[in-house]
Structures are given as C-alpha cells and as structure tokens.
Amino acid sequence: MSDQLPDNGTPATSHTGDPPGQMRLAELVDERPDRGHAVARTQDRMQGLFDAFLDVSTGLDLDVTLRHIVEAAVALIDAQYGTLGLLDADGLMIGFVHVGPDPRPAPEPRPPVSVDRETVSFLSVPVTSRGEILGHLYLTAKRTSLFSAEDDTVLTALARAAGIAIANARLYEGAEVGRTWLAAVTDVRTALLQGRPPQDVLGLVVDRVAVLTGAAATFLVHGPDENGSYQLRAHTGAALQDLPGVELDEHAGPVLRAVAEARDVVLLDMSGPASSGGAARARWGPCIAVPLRSALGGGSVVIALRTAGSPPFEPSLAALISAFADQTALALDLAARQQLIRRSDVTEDRDRIARDLHDHVIQRVFAAGLTLQSALPRIDDAEAATRVRSAVEQLDETVRDIRTTIFDLHTSDSARDGHSLRRRLLDIVTQTAGDQLRPTVRMSGAVDNLVTGDLAADVEAVVREGVSNAVRHAQAGAVIVTLDVADDAVVEVVDNGTGIDPAAPRSGLRNLEERARRRGGGVTAVCLEDGGTRLRWHAPLQT
C-alpha cells in the first residue's frame, strides 16, 4: 500500500515513522561533503593545469621545456613514471625525457588509449603542433588508482600546450643557431677589415666551423688546379696525415671527389664502405664539406669531421654551413678586390716617385758630378783635387743608390715576399752579418729581370760566402755588398777587417772560382791598403 496524503493535507508517515521530507534532507546532507571535495579537487586540478601551461609556455630552452612538460604531467595525474618521446620529421624516435624513480623503456609510439568507459594503468597522448606530431607523452603507474577519462582529458590538454611550447622552443633554438653562424661571418668580415693576414683569416674560418658544427677536425684546402690537386691552407684539430681519405687530389679523396661532383654541401660517413681504407681510416666517421666559391677564380673546400662512432651531422647544418660559406667567400672576394685597389694605388705612387727620381734627382746629381769632374783639370792644389775626386765618387755612388731605389719601387709585392733576388740578397746579408757587422747593400741595374735561374743561385752563394768570411775570419765591423748588373753581373764584398789570413782554408774561395769559371767569369780577393778585403766576382749574363 503506497503512502497517500489525507484529505486534511497532513503528510502521510512511512512504516519507519520518519517523514519523507526529513529523509531526503538527510541524504543531501550526507552527500554534500563528497561533492564539496570533488569540486575542490577539480578546482585544484584546473589551477595546476593552468600553472603547468604557464610554466611550459614560458620556456625557450628546449631541454628544460621538455623536462618541465613531463614533470607537470606526472604531478597533475599523480603518476609515478612519465616519459616524453620526441620524433623527427620522418616519425622516428630521436630522444626521450624521463621522470620517475626508475627509468623504464618507453613503448613504441601508438595511438592514444581510449578511456571513455573504462579505467587503465597506462596513458599515451600525442604531442602535436599545427597538425604535426612532435612526439608522444606516456604516463604509467598512477599512485592512488587507475587512470580515468578525466586524466586523459587533462593530459591531452597539457600535450596540446606542450606542442606549442616545443614548436616555440625549436623556433628560438633555430634563431639562436642562425645568430651564432651570422656572428661567425661577422668575425671573419671584421678580421678582413682590420687587415689581418689572409692565413689568420682562413684559420679563423676553420676555427668557427669546428665550434659551430662540433667537429673534431676542420680543414680548408684550395683548388683544384689544372692537375686536379688541392693545397692545404688552414686546419684545426688534427694534422693532415691524420685525415685518411682526404688526400689533396679529388681523384683519390672521397670527400673532395664528392664535393667536385656535387658542387654543393655533401654529408657522408668516412667509416662506411665507400671510404674503405683499413684501420688508418677507422678514426674518422661523419663528415660535412662545403665549397667556398670565389668570384675571382679558383676556390676552396671546407671539410669538418667527427670521430668514428660520433652522431652524424644534422641535415639542417647543410643550409647553415652553405650560407656561411657563401658569405665568407663574398667577404674574401671583397677583401681581395680592396687589396688589388690598394696595390694599384701603391704602384701608381711608386711609379710617380720613380719618375721624379729618374727625371729630376738623378739628372741633377749626375750633372753635378760631371761639373765637378770637368773642373778637376783646372785644380792645381793636389789636396783640393783629391777632395773633388772623392766628391765625384760619392755622387756616382748616390746615383747607383737612387737607381737601386727606383728598381725597388718597381719591384712587385710578390717579389718582396721572397721571389725577388734583391729581397733574397738583402735577407742573406742581414742574416749572415747578424749583430757582428754593420751591413750596407747597393744594387744597380735590372737585377730581378736579368739575373735569374742558376746565375741568381751563384750570386747568392758569392754574397753568402763573402759576408760569412768577413764575420768568421776578418774580424770586421762593417761590410759593403755591391751588385752591378750591366753586360756582366759583378758582385763585390768589401769589409774593413784584418784582411785575408794566409792560413785560413780556401775551400769557399775555390768554390766561387769554380762557379765563375763555369760561366766564363772570374773572381779575385785582395787586401786593401787601408785594411780590409775586397772580394770581386763577375760572370757574363749570357753563357
């Protein structure tokens, strides 16, 4: 029999004796604490999720951001273990970030687990950004219970925020990498503008490439020439003999051959079958090489290597090192053009000075000498005549010195670097004389143009022997070396020492006699009246 209301409106009573309204109120009171706890727990979780969003989204360092993502997921879901697996563009796993007391291997990426109606002990959600899957976030071993649908919803929301954070961190990381490569180009340009020697600049190039690529050794070779050969210009990290497979010949070295064929950046593994060479080549592994294309002709190749077993160079490095190479080659070309302009200006100045010396100074000095020489027969005083004659000789020496200066002004910079006989003779005299002699060197005539080949070698030997004798045997304080080139090449070495010692060995002098005899010339060595020795060696220019 069901409860019914009487006609007077008084509520009917149950068989227990409690009014129905009082029973419903008691049930609500009993349920209110549970609902309050649920609401509070939901609010705490939402606040924790919001805090995790802020923590993850503000990070720019990729490694730190990845760890924050896993830590936030473990804390929100109350799991014991969390792992974030990163994927590359091809969907291959490239790294893990683990949080938990005991690292466990993460499973292979798989679709998210459906938790609409059942609870599970394992959660997996994808980390995406703009439709691209960047990785998977895994949680296992929830502390209080099994994972629920609510846990899946919270973890999915966190994964979406994590995808944005990872994409931003990668963009920032890429921008920082690009900035470091740009700074390297700026360093090279600055060095060139400061006028640093080319060898220093090339050394700076290989140093920067080694640091930015994480290479164990970096080389810069120039070429190829008409024979297909290369010349080592700069290196860091290892010697050339420690670089098997990178011979200075594009037909022998796989790296240079690959660059010559591709005419672009190449990545290869020196430890692979293509570069077999036994244990000598086993030291090197990943390699990246890029050509430095010069607009002024010729070119170079920069080669960076890592040791065998090292991780390969990232493909993204190809675009960065290619841009660096192009900018560096452009800077080197601009510096070379500026150097050519400066050399042209210097050459013009030298030509102008040489013309002035020849057209004005020499003519006036020569005219003064002729005037004094023509006046000698009219001078009756012997002492005065001797002084005038000495002045004429000094004027003749001045003319020879000026002519030597004119030829020096016309000497190219390459000749000054060691290809010029004038420069080599100056170096010989300076090095041989040392601190014991005050050397003076005079040269006249077209020395560099007429004295070449074996004759130049003979002249060098004569000068070296004459100055050496003055240092070792004559106890001289000064030496004058003269080279006069006209029909013959005439070398004189005059010192102010004690003269020729009869007991001294004559092997050096006999050598000079043989050199002169072979060329149809001669050599004399005499003691001077006022002390000292004059060594005179001559040979015709044409033999």
Protein backbone atom coordinates (compact mmCIF):
# COMPACT_ATOMS: atom_id res chain seq x y z
CA MET A 1 0.00 0.00 0.00
CA SER A 2 1.58 3.30 -1.09
CA ASP A 3 1.73 6.42 1.04
CA GLN A 4 -1.06 8.90 0.35
CA LEU A 5 -1.91 12.39 1.63
CA PRO A 6 -5.13 12.59 3.80
CA ASP A 7 -7.84 14.95 2.89
CA ASN A 8 -6.75 17.44 5.53
CA GLY A 9 -3.32 17.77 3.87
CA THR A 10 -1.29 16.15 6.63
CA PRO A 11 1.71 14.22 5.19
CA ALA A 12 1.47 10.51 5.41
CA THR A 13 4.01 8.71 7.50
CA SER A 14 6.22 5.81 6.36
CA HIS A 15 6.39 2.50 8.00
CA THR A 16 9.54 3.61 9.78
CA GLY A 17 7.82 6.51 11.33
CA ASP A 18 10.10 9.22 9.68
CA PRO A 19 8.54 11.86 7.42
CA PRO A 20 9.70 11.57 3.73
CA GLY A 21 10.95 15.20 3.61
CA GLN A 22 13.24 14.67 6.58
CA MET A 23 14.68 11.51 4.98
CA ARG A 24 15.60 13.37 1.66
CA LEU A 25 17.24 16.24 3.54
CA ALA A 26 19.40 13.81 5.50
CA GLU A 27 20.59 12.17 2.26
CA LEU A 28 21.59 15.55 0.80
CA VAL A 29 23.46 16.44 3.96
CA ASP A 30 25.33 13.15 3.82
CA GLU A 31 26.29 13.69 0.11
CA ARG A 32 27.37 17.35 0.47
CA PRO A 33 30.91 16.68 1.82
CA ASP A 34 31.72 14.32 -1.09
CA ARG A 35 30.51 16.82 -3.67
CA GLY A 36 32.43 19.60 -2.00
CA HIS A 37 35.60 17.59 -2.05
CA ALA A 38 35.06 16.78 -5.73
CA VAL A 39 34.55 20.42 -6.61
CA ALA A 40 37.64 21.42 -4.63
CA ARG A 41 39.69 18.66 -6.27
CA THR A 42 38.56 19.78 -9.72
CA GLN A 43 39.44 23.37 -8.94
CA ASP A 44 42.88 22.32 -7.69
CA ARG A 45 43.50 20.26 -10.82
CA MET A 46 42.40 23.12 -13.09
CA GLN A 47 44.68 25.50 -11.21
CA GLY A 48 47.52 23.01 -11.51
CA LEU A 49 46.84 22.65 -15.23
CA PHE A 50 46.82 26.42 -15.63
CA ASP A 51 50.10 26.71 -13.73
CA ALA A 52 51.58 23.98 -15.90
CA PHE A 53 50.50 25.88 -19.03
CA LEU A 54 52.31 28.99 -17.78
CA ASP A 55 55.42 27.07 -16.77
CA VAL A 56 55.68 25.20 -20.06
CA SER A 57 54.82 28.11 -22.35
CA THR A 58 57.41 30.48 -20.87
CA GLY A 59 60.37 28.18 -21.53
CA LEU A 60 62.67 28.80 -24.51
CA ASP A 61 65.36 26.25 -23.76
CA LEU A 62 64.21 23.04 -25.44
CA ASP A 63 65.75 20.58 -22.97
CA VAL A 64 64.39 22.48 -19.97
CA THR A 65 60.96 22.79 -21.60
CA LEU A 66 60.75 19.05 -22.29
CA ARG A 67 61.55 18.19 -18.69
CA HIS A 68 59.00 20.70 -17.41
CA ILE A 69 56.35 19.07 -19.60
CA VAL A 70 56.95 15.60 -18.17
CA GLU A 71 57.21 16.87 -14.59
CA ALA A 72 53.93 18.77 -14.96
CA ALA A 73 52.17 15.69 -16.40
CA VAL A 74 53.37 13.44 -13.59
CA ALA A 75 52.30 15.94 -10.94
CA LEU A 76 48.85 16.60 -12.43
CA ILE A 77 47.92 12.97 -12.99
CA ASP A 78 49.72 11.70 -9.86
CA ALA A 79 51.69 9.12 -11.86
CA GLN A 80 54.94 7.52 -10.79
CA TYR A 81 56.56 7.45 -14.23
CA GLY A 82 56.44 9.84 -17.16
CA THR A 83 58.26 9.83 -20.49
CA LEU A 84 58.23 12.17 -23.47
CA GLY A 85 59.44 10.64 -26.71
CA LEU A 86 60.47 13.08 -29.49
CA LEU A 87 60.00 12.28 -33.16
CA ASP A 88 61.87 13.58 -36.18
CA ALA A 89 60.27 14.68 -39.44
CA ASP A 90 60.14 11.06 -40.62
CA GLY A 91 58.36 9.85 -37.49
CA LEU A 92 61.41 8.16 -35.98
CA MET A 93 62.06 8.39 -32.26
CA ILE A 94 65.10 10.60 -31.67
CA GLY A 95 65.13 11.06 -27.89
CA PHE A 96 63.46 10.52 -24.53
CA VAL A 97 62.94 12.63 -21.44
CA HIS A 98 62.10 10.52 -18.37
CA VAL A 99 60.79 11.46 -14.94
CA GLY A 100 60.45 8.85 -12.23
CA PRO A 101 62.37 6.88 -9.64
CA ASP A 102 63.34 4.07 -12.01
CA PRO A 103 63.72 4.70 -15.74
CA ARG A 104 61.72 2.27 -17.80
CA PRO A 105 61.93 1.89 -21.57
CA ALA A 106 59.06 3.70 -23.21
CA PRO A 107 56.90 1.73 -25.63
CA GLU A 108 56.82 2.44 -29.31
CA PRO A 109 54.53 5.32 -30.37
CA ARG A 110 50.94 4.20 -30.69
CA PRO A 111 47.51 5.82 -30.90
CA PRO A 112 46.12 7.29 -27.66
CA VAL A 113 44.36 4.86 -25.37
CA SER A 114 40.56 5.24 -25.31
CA VAL A 115 39.30 5.75 -21.76
CA ASP A 116 35.69 6.74 -22.36
CA ARG A 117 34.16 3.93 -20.31
CA GLU A 118 36.97 2.14 -18.58
CA THR A 119 39.95 2.92 -16.42
CA VAL A 120 43.51 1.94 -17.47
CA SER A 121 47.01 1.73 -15.96
CA PHE A 122 48.75 3.33 -18.95
CA LEU A 123 48.15 6.61 -20.79
CA SER A 124 49.62 7.76 -24.12
CA VAL A 125 48.70 11.01 -25.90
CA PRO A 126 50.31 12.64 -28.94
CA VAL A 127 52.11 15.97 -28.68
CA THR A 128 51.13 17.97 -31.75
CA SER A 129 51.57 21.43 -33.21
CA ARG A 130 49.72 22.63 -36.32
CA GLY A 131 48.82 19.08 -37.27
CA GLU A 132 52.39 17.77 -36.94
CA ILE A 133 53.09 15.06 -34.39
CA LEU A 134 56.21 16.12 -32.45
CA GLY A 135 56.21 13.22 -30.02
CA HIS A 136 54.23 11.16 -27.55
CA LEU A 137 53.69 11.68 -23.83
CA TYR A 138 53.47 8.49 -21.74
CA LEU A 139 52.35 8.01 -18.11
CA THR A 140 52.30 4.77 -16.12
CA ALA A 141 51.64 3.58 -12.56
CA LYS A 142 49.16 6.04 -11.08
CA ARG A 143 49.70 6.21 -7.33
CA THR A 144 46.09 6.19 -5.96
CA SER A 145 44.05 4.36 -8.60
CA LEU A 146 43.87 3.60 -12.28
CA PHE A 147 43.82 6.34 -14.91
CA SER A 148 40.40 7.72 -15.76
CA ALA A 149 38.77 9.58 -18.63
CA GLU A 150 39.30 12.81 -16.71
CA ASP A 151 43.05 12.06 -16.55
CA ASP A 152 43.08 11.53 -20.29
CA THR A 153 41.35 14.88 -20.84
CA VAL A 154 43.81 16.73 -18.61
CA LEU A 155 46.83 15.04 -20.23
CA THR A 156 45.52 15.80 -23.73
CA ALA A 157 45.13 19.47 -22.84
CA LEU A 158 48.66 19.56 -21.43
CA ALA A 159 50.02 17.82 -24.55
CA ARG A 160 48.48 20.47 -26.79
CA ALA A 161 50.14 23.22 -24.77
CA ALA A 162 53.35 21.22 -24.82
CA GLY A 163 53.22 21.00 -28.62
CA ILE A 164 53.05 24.78 -28.89
CA ALA A 165 55.86 25.17 -26.35
CA ILE A 166 58.10 22.67 -28.18
CA ALA A 167 57.48 24.39 -31.52
CA ASN A 168 58.32 27.78 -30.00
CA ALA A 169 61.44 26.40 -28.32
CA ARG A 170 62.59 24.89 -31.60
CA LEU A 171 61.99 28.17 -33.40
CA TYR A 172 64.00 30.01 -30.76
CA GLU A 173 66.74 27.39 -30.89
CA GLY A 174 66.88 27.72 -34.67
CA ALA A 175 67.06 31.50 -34.41
CA GLU A 176 69.90 31.24 -31.87
CA VAL A 177 71.81 28.84 -34.11
CA GLY A 178 71.35 31.18 -37.05
CA ARG A 179 72.56 34.07 -34.92
CA THR A 180 75.76 32.22 -33.97
CA TRP A 181 76.51 31.46 -37.63
CA LEU A 182 75.87 35.10 -38.51
CA ALA A 183 78.21 36.15 -35.71
CA ALA A 184 80.87 33.87 -37.20
CA VAL A 185 80.51 35.62 -40.58
CA THR A 186 80.81 38.96 -38.79
CA ASP A 187 84.02 37.81 -37.11
CA VAL A 188 85.51 36.92 -40.50
CA ARG A 189 84.48 40.25 -42.02
CA THR A 190 85.87 42.16 -39.06
CA ALA A 191 89.19 40.35 -39.35
CA LEU A 192 89.39 41.22 -43.05
CA LEU A 193 88.52 44.88 -42.42
CA GLN A 194 91.21 45.05 -39.77
CA GLY A 195 93.74 43.97 -42.36
CA ARG A 196 94.71 40.72 -40.67
CA PRO A 197 96.90 38.40 -42.77
CA PRO A 198 94.98 36.03 -45.06
CA GLN A 199 96.36 32.98 -43.24
CA ASP A 200 94.94 34.26 -39.94
CA VAL A 201 91.54 34.83 -41.56
CA LEU A 202 91.46 31.32 -43.03
CA GLY A 203 92.44 29.95 -39.63
CA LEU A 204 89.53 31.88 -38.13
CA VAL A 205 87.17 30.31 -40.70
CA VAL A 206 88.12 26.72 -39.78
CA ASP A 207 88.00 27.54 -36.05
CA ARG A 208 84.46 28.89 -36.30
CA VAL A 209 83.26 25.95 -38.41
CA ALA A 210 84.78 23.48 -35.94
CA VAL A 211 83.00 25.11 -32.99
CA LEU A 212 79.62 25.55 -34.70
CA THR A 213 79.48 22.02 -36.12
CA GLY A 214 81.01 20.24 -33.15
CA ALA A 215 83.69 18.77 -35.41
CA ALA A 216 86.84 17.08 -34.13
CA ALA A 217 88.89 18.36 -37.08
CA THR A 218 88.34 21.00 -39.75
CA PHE A 219 90.37 21.64 -42.90
CA LEU A 220 90.38 24.29 -45.62
CA VAL A 221 92.02 23.27 -48.89
CA HIS A 222 92.41 25.41 -52.00
CA GLY A 223 91.86 24.13 -55.52
CA PRO A 224 91.58 22.26 -57.68
CA ASP A 225 94.33 23.41 -60.01
CA GLU A 226 94.75 22.32 -63.63
CA ASN A 227 96.05 18.96 -62.38
CA GLY A 228 93.10 18.39 -60.05
CA SER A 229 95.23 18.86 -56.93
CA TYR A 230 94.48 20.80 -53.77
CA GLN A 231 96.69 22.78 -51.39
CA LEU A 232 96.15 22.80 -47.63
CA ARG A 233 95.61 26.37 -46.41
CA ALA A 234 94.36 26.03 -42.81
CA HIS A 235 93.36 23.33 -40.36
CA THR A 236 92.43 22.83 -36.73
CA GLY A 237 92.06 19.79 -34.54
CA ALA A 238 94.33 17.37 -36.39
CA ALA A 239 97.23 17.17 -38.80
CA LEU A 240 96.73 16.41 -42.48
CA GLN A 241 98.30 12.96 -42.16
CA ASP A 242 95.56 12.12 -39.65
CA LEU A 243 92.92 12.70 -42.31
CA PRO A 244 92.70 9.47 -44.31
CA GLY A 245 90.50 9.73 -47.37
CA VAL A 246 91.02 13.46 -47.80
CA GLU A 247 94.12 13.47 -49.93
CA LEU A 248 94.91 16.62 -51.86
CA ASP A 249 93.61 15.05 -55.05
CA GLU A 250 89.96 14.92 -55.99
CA HIS A 251 90.51 11.59 -57.77
CA ALA A 252 91.93 9.96 -54.63
CA GLY A 253 89.93 11.55 -51.81
CA PRO A 254 86.24 10.61 -51.48
CA VAL A 255 85.38 13.88 -49.75
CA LEU A 256 86.93 16.14 -52.38
CA ARG A 257 85.60 13.93 -55.15
CA ALA A 258 82.08 14.15 -53.73
CA VAL A 259 82.31 17.96 -53.46
CA ALA A 260 83.66 18.22 -57.01
CA GLU A 261 80.77 16.14 -58.31
CA ALA A 262 78.00 17.76 -56.26
CA ARG A 263 79.34 21.35 -56.34
CA ASP A 264 77.41 21.79 -53.11
CA VAL A 265 77.35 20.69 -49.48
CA VAL A 266 77.94 16.96 -49.02
CA LEU A 267 77.42 14.76 -45.98
CA LEU A 268 78.99 11.33 -45.83
CA ASP A 269 80.39 8.80 -43.38
CA MET A 270 84.14 8.19 -43.66
CA SER A 271 83.80 4.91 -41.76
CA GLY A 272 81.39 3.46 -44.30
CA PRO A 273 82.17 1.05 -47.12
CA ALA A 274 82.57 3.88 -49.63
CA SER A 275 85.64 5.12 -47.84
CA SER A 276 87.30 1.81 -47.01
CA GLY A 277 90.93 2.06 -46.12
CA GLY A 278 91.60 -0.22 -43.20
CA ALA A 279 92.40 0.74 -39.65
CA ALA A 280 94.05 4.00 -40.73
CA ARG A 281 90.68 5.40 -41.73
CA ALA A 282 88.72 3.92 -38.86
CA ARG A 283 89.40 7.01 -36.77
CA TRP A 284 87.01 9.24 -38.73
CA GLY A 285 83.28 8.94 -39.20
CA PRO A 286 80.70 11.63 -40.08
CA CYS A 287 81.90 14.32 -42.46
CA ILE A 288 80.40 17.51 -43.89
CA ALA A 289 82.13 19.51 -46.63
CA VAL A 290 81.19 22.73 -48.42
CA PRO A 291 82.84 24.59 -51.31
CA LEU A 292 83.91 28.23 -50.98
CA ARG A 293 83.15 29.53 -54.45
CA SER A 294 85.29 32.55 -55.34
CA ALA A 295 84.27 35.05 -57.99
CA LEU A 296 87.93 35.92 -58.59
CA GLY A 297 88.80 32.45 -59.82
CA GLY A 298 89.75 29.29 -58.04
CA GLY A 299 88.01 28.08 -54.94
CA SER A 300 88.37 26.26 -51.66
CA VAL A 301 86.68 23.48 -49.74
CA VAL A 302 85.98 23.44 -46.00
CA ILE A 303 85.85 19.94 -44.51
CA ALA A 304 84.59 19.17 -40.99
CA LEU A 305 84.84 15.68 -39.48
CA ARG A 306 83.83 13.85 -36.34
CA THR A 307 85.44 10.72 -34.96
CA ALA A 308 84.10 7.28 -35.78
CA GLY A 309 81.03 6.40 -33.76
CA SER A 310 80.01 10.04 -33.25
CA PRO A 311 76.48 11.18 -34.13
CA PRO A 312 76.11 12.25 -37.76
CA PHE A 313 75.89 15.90 -38.72
CA GLU A 314 72.33 17.13 -38.65
CA PRO A 315 70.88 17.71 -42.14
CA SER A 316 69.83 21.20 -41.02
CA LEU A 317 73.53 22.08 -40.83
CA ALA A 318 73.78 21.89 -44.62
CA ALA A 319 71.82 25.11 -45.17
CA LEU A 320 73.64 26.92 -42.34
CA ILE A 321 77.16 25.99 -43.41
CA SER A 322 76.29 26.71 -47.06
CA ALA A 323 75.13 30.22 -46.17
CA PHE A 324 78.24 30.71 -44.05
CA ALA A 325 80.46 29.57 -46.93
CA ASP A 326 78.75 31.90 -49.41
CA GLN A 327 79.03 34.90 -47.11
CA THR A 328 82.64 34.07 -46.25
CA ALA A 329 83.58 33.68 -49.92
CA LEU A 330 81.93 37.01 -50.68
CA ALA A 331 83.84 38.70 -47.86
CA LEU A 332 87.12 37.19 -49.06
CA ASP A 333 86.43 38.37 -52.62
CA LEU A 334 85.67 41.90 -51.45
CA ALA A 335 88.84 41.94 -49.37
CA ALA A 336 90.86 40.69 -52.35
CA ARG A 337 89.39 43.41 -54.56
CA GLN A 338 90.20 46.06 -51.98
CA GLN A 339 93.73 44.71 -51.73
CA LEU A 340 94.10 44.92 -55.53
CA ILE A 341 92.89 48.52 -55.43
CA ARG A 342 95.36 49.36 -52.67
CA ARG A 343 98.16 47.70 -54.58
CA SER A 344 97.24 49.63 -57.68
CA ASP A 345 97.33 52.87 -55.73
CA VAL A 346 100.70 51.96 -54.21
CA THR A 347 102.06 51.02 -57.63
CA GLU A 348 100.97 54.34 -59.06
CA ASP A 349 102.66 56.17 -56.20
CA ARG A 350 105.84 54.17 -56.71
CA ASP A 351 105.84 54.88 -60.43
CA ARG A 352 105.39 58.60 -59.77
CA ILE A 353 108.23 58.65 -57.22
CA ALA A 354 110.46 56.62 -59.54
CA ARG A 355 109.80 59.03 -62.41
CA ASP A 356 110.61 62.01 -60.21
CA LEU A 357 113.83 60.39 -59.01
CA HIS A 358 114.87 59.50 -62.52
CA ASP A 359 113.84 62.70 -64.28
CA HIS A 360 114.91 65.21 -61.66
CA VAL A 361 117.12 63.88 -58.84
CA ILE A 362 119.41 61.61 -60.84
CA GLN A 363 119.81 64.15 -63.60
CA ARG A 364 120.80 66.88 -61.16
CA VAL A 365 123.19 64.66 -59.19
CA PHE A 366 124.71 63.35 -62.41
CA ALA A 367 125.08 66.89 -63.76
CA ALA A 368 126.77 68.00 -60.53
CA GLY A 369 129.22 65.11 -60.83
CA LEU A 370 130.03 65.96 -64.43
CA THR A 371 130.60 69.59 -63.49
CA LEU A 372 133.00 68.67 -60.71
CA GLN A 373 134.76 66.13 -62.93
CA SER A 374 135.20 68.69 -65.71
CA ALA A 375 136.71 71.12 -63.19
CA LEU A 376 139.37 68.67 -61.97
CA PRO A 377 142.00 69.52 -64.66
CA ARG A 378 141.84 73.17 -63.60
CA ILE A 379 142.55 72.46 -59.92
CA ASP A 380 146.26 72.85 -59.13
CA ASP A 381 146.01 72.07 -55.42
CA ALA A 382 146.51 68.32 -55.02
CA GLU A 383 144.54 68.14 -51.78
CA ALA A 384 141.61 70.03 -53.28
CA ALA A 385 141.70 67.81 -56.37
CA THR A 386 141.58 64.73 -54.11
CA ARG A 387 138.55 66.08 -52.26
CA VAL A 388 136.74 66.90 -55.53
CA ARG A 389 137.56 63.46 -56.91
CA SER A 390 136.17 61.90 -53.70
CA ALA A 391 133.02 64.00 -54.04
CA VAL A 392 132.57 62.78 -57.62
CA GLU A 393 132.88 59.17 -56.46
CA GLN A 394 130.29 59.79 -53.75
CA LEU A 395 127.96 61.33 -56.31
CA ASP A 396 128.40 58.25 -58.51
CA GLU A 397 127.53 56.03 -55.57
CA THR A 398 124.50 58.21 -54.86
CA VAL A 399 123.34 57.77 -58.45
CA ARG A 400 123.70 53.99 -58.11
CA ASP A 401 121.78 54.05 -54.83
CA ILE A 402 118.99 56.08 -56.40
CA ARG A 403 118.79 53.67 -59.32
CA THR A 404 118.58 50.80 -56.86
CA THR A 405 115.75 52.59 -55.11
CA ILE A 406 113.97 53.07 -58.42
CA PHE A 407 114.19 49.37 -59.20
CA ASP A 408 112.95 48.58 -55.67
CA LEU A 409 109.97 50.81 -56.24
CA HIS A 410 109.12 48.81 -59.36
CA THR A 411 109.50 45.51 -57.51
CA SER A 412 106.15 43.77 -57.11
CA ASP A 413 104.76 42.72 -53.74
CA SER A 414 105.15 39.07 -54.71
CA ALA A 415 108.84 39.72 -55.33
CA ARG A 416 109.09 41.36 -51.93
CA ASP A 417 107.66 38.20 -50.41
CA GLY A 418 110.73 36.21 -51.46
CA HIS A 419 110.65 35.79 -55.26
CA SER A 420 112.91 38.80 -55.84
CA LEU A 421 116.70 38.35 -55.98
CA ARG A 422 117.06 41.80 -54.42
CA ARG A 423 114.97 40.72 -51.46
CA ARG A 424 116.78 37.41 -51.11
CA LEU A 425 120.20 39.11 -51.14
CA LEU A 426 119.07 41.59 -48.51
CA ASP A 427 117.88 38.72 -46.33
CA ILE A 428 121.15 36.80 -46.84
CA VAL A 429 123.29 39.78 -45.87
CA THR A 430 121.15 40.61 -42.83
CA GLN A 431 121.02 37.04 -41.54
CA THR A 432 124.71 36.28 -42.18
CA ALA A 433 126.02 39.55 -40.73
CA GLY A 434 123.97 39.16 -37.58
CA ASP A 435 124.94 41.55 -34.79
CA GLN A 436 128.67 41.47 -35.60
CA LEU A 437 128.65 43.59 -38.78
CA ARG A 438 127.03 46.78 -40.00
CA PRO A 439 125.94 45.73 -43.49
CA THR A 440 125.35 48.02 -46.47
CA VAL A 441 123.84 46.69 -49.67
CA ARG A 442 123.91 48.51 -53.02
CA MET A 443 122.40 47.19 -56.24
CA SER A 444 122.14 48.75 -59.67
CA GLY A 445 120.70 47.55 -62.95
CA ALA A 446 117.82 45.24 -63.79
CA VAL A 447 118.73 42.73 -61.12
CA ASP A 448 115.45 40.82 -60.95
CA ASN A 449 114.92 40.75 -64.71
CA LEU A 450 118.44 39.82 -65.90
CA VAL A 451 119.84 37.71 -63.04
CA THR A 452 117.68 34.60 -62.85
CA GLY A 453 117.95 30.83 -62.58
CA ASP A 454 121.36 29.32 -61.91
CA LEU A 455 123.10 32.70 -62.24
CA ALA A 456 120.95 34.04 -59.39
CA ALA A 457 121.90 30.99 -57.30
CA ASP A 458 125.60 31.69 -57.97
CA VAL A 459 125.22 35.34 -56.97
CA GLU A 460 123.53 34.31 -53.74
CA ALA A 461 126.37 31.87 -52.99
CA VAL A 462 129.01 34.57 -53.61
CA VAL A 463 127.30 37.06 -51.30
CA ARG A 464 126.79 34.46 -48.58
CA GLU A 465 130.43 33.33 -48.76
CA GLY A 466 131.84 36.88 -48.80
CA VAL A 467 129.83 38.10 -45.83
CA SER A 468 130.46 34.85 -43.94
CA ASN A 469 134.23 35.26 -44.39
CA ALA A 470 134.01 38.83 -43.09
CA VAL A 471 132.24 37.56 -39.98
CA ARG A 472 134.35 34.49 -39.24
CA HIS A 473 137.88 35.41 -40.36
CA ALA A 474 138.33 39.15 -40.94
CA GLN A 475 137.14 40.45 -37.54
CA ALA A 476 135.43 43.23 -39.48
CA GLY A 477 132.99 45.79 -38.11
CA ALA A 478 131.28 46.69 -41.39
CA VAL A 479 130.74 45.18 -44.81
CA ILE A 480 129.56 46.69 -48.11
CA VAL A 481 127.92 44.39 -50.66
CA THR A 482 127.53 45.72 -54.21
CA LEU A 483 125.79 44.08 -57.16
CA ASP A 484 126.08 45.83 -60.52
CA VAL A 485 124.22 44.37 -63.48
CA ALA A 486 125.05 45.56 -66.99
CA ASP A 487 126.76 43.27 -69.52
CA ASP A 488 128.10 41.26 -66.59
CA ALA A 489 126.83 40.53 -63.13
CA VAL A 490 129.50 41.95 -60.82
CA VAL A 491 129.48 41.22 -57.09
CA GLU A 492 131.81 42.99 -54.67
CA VAL A 493 132.06 42.33 -50.95
CA VAL A 494 134.29 44.82 -49.12
CA ASP A 495 134.95 44.67 -45.38
CA ASN A 496 137.11 46.77 -43.01
CA GLY A 497 138.69 43.81 -41.23
CA THR A 498 142.22 42.46 -40.94
CA GLY A 499 142.48 41.14 -44.46
CA ILE A 500 142.91 37.62 -45.80
CA ASP A 501 144.54 35.17 -43.44
CA PRO A 502 147.01 33.04 -45.47
CA ALA A 503 146.45 30.14 -43.07
CA ALA A 504 142.67 30.20 -43.48
CA PRO A 505 141.12 27.38 -45.56
CA ARG A 506 140.37 28.30 -49.19
CA SER A 507 137.58 25.81 -49.88
CA GLY A 508 134.95 28.57 -50.08
CA LEU A 509 137.05 30.67 -52.44
CA ARG A 510 137.74 27.66 -54.65
CA ASN A 511 134.02 27.04 -54.86
CA LEU A 512 133.45 30.62 -56.04
CA GLU A 513 136.27 30.23 -58.59
CA GLU A 514 134.58 27.13 -59.96
CA ARG A 515 131.26 28.93 -60.27
CA ALA A 516 132.92 31.83 -62.13
CA ARG A 517 134.98 29.56 -64.40
CA ARG A 518 131.91 27.57 -65.39
CA ARG A 519 130.26 30.78 -66.57
CA GLY A 520 133.28 32.30 -68.24
CA GLY A 521 133.87 34.85 -65.48
CA GLY A 522 136.41 35.30 -62.73
CA VAL A 523 136.97 36.03 -59.05
CA THR A 524 139.61 37.98 -57.11
CA ALA A 525 140.23 38.51 -53.42
CA VAL A 526 142.73 41.21 -52.43
CA CYS A 527 143.77 43.01 -49.28
CA LEU A 528 143.19 46.78 -49.24
CA GLU A 529 145.88 49.28 -48.35
CA ASP A 530 143.87 50.79 -45.51
CA GLY A 531 142.85 47.38 -44.18
CA GLY A 532 140.12 45.00 -45.11
CA THR A 533 139.39 42.75 -48.05
CA ARG A 534 137.70 43.18 -51.42
CA LEU A 535 136.13 40.08 -52.94
CA ARG A 536 135.13 40.64 -56.58
CA TRP A 537 133.21 38.04 -58.58
CA HIS A 538 131.87 38.54 -62.12
CA ALA A 539 130.18 36.50 -64.80
CA PRO A 540 128.53 37.39 -68.10
CA LEU A 541 124.74 37.42 -68.22
CA GLN A 542 124.67 35.13 -71.26
CA THR A 543 126.77 31.97 -71.15
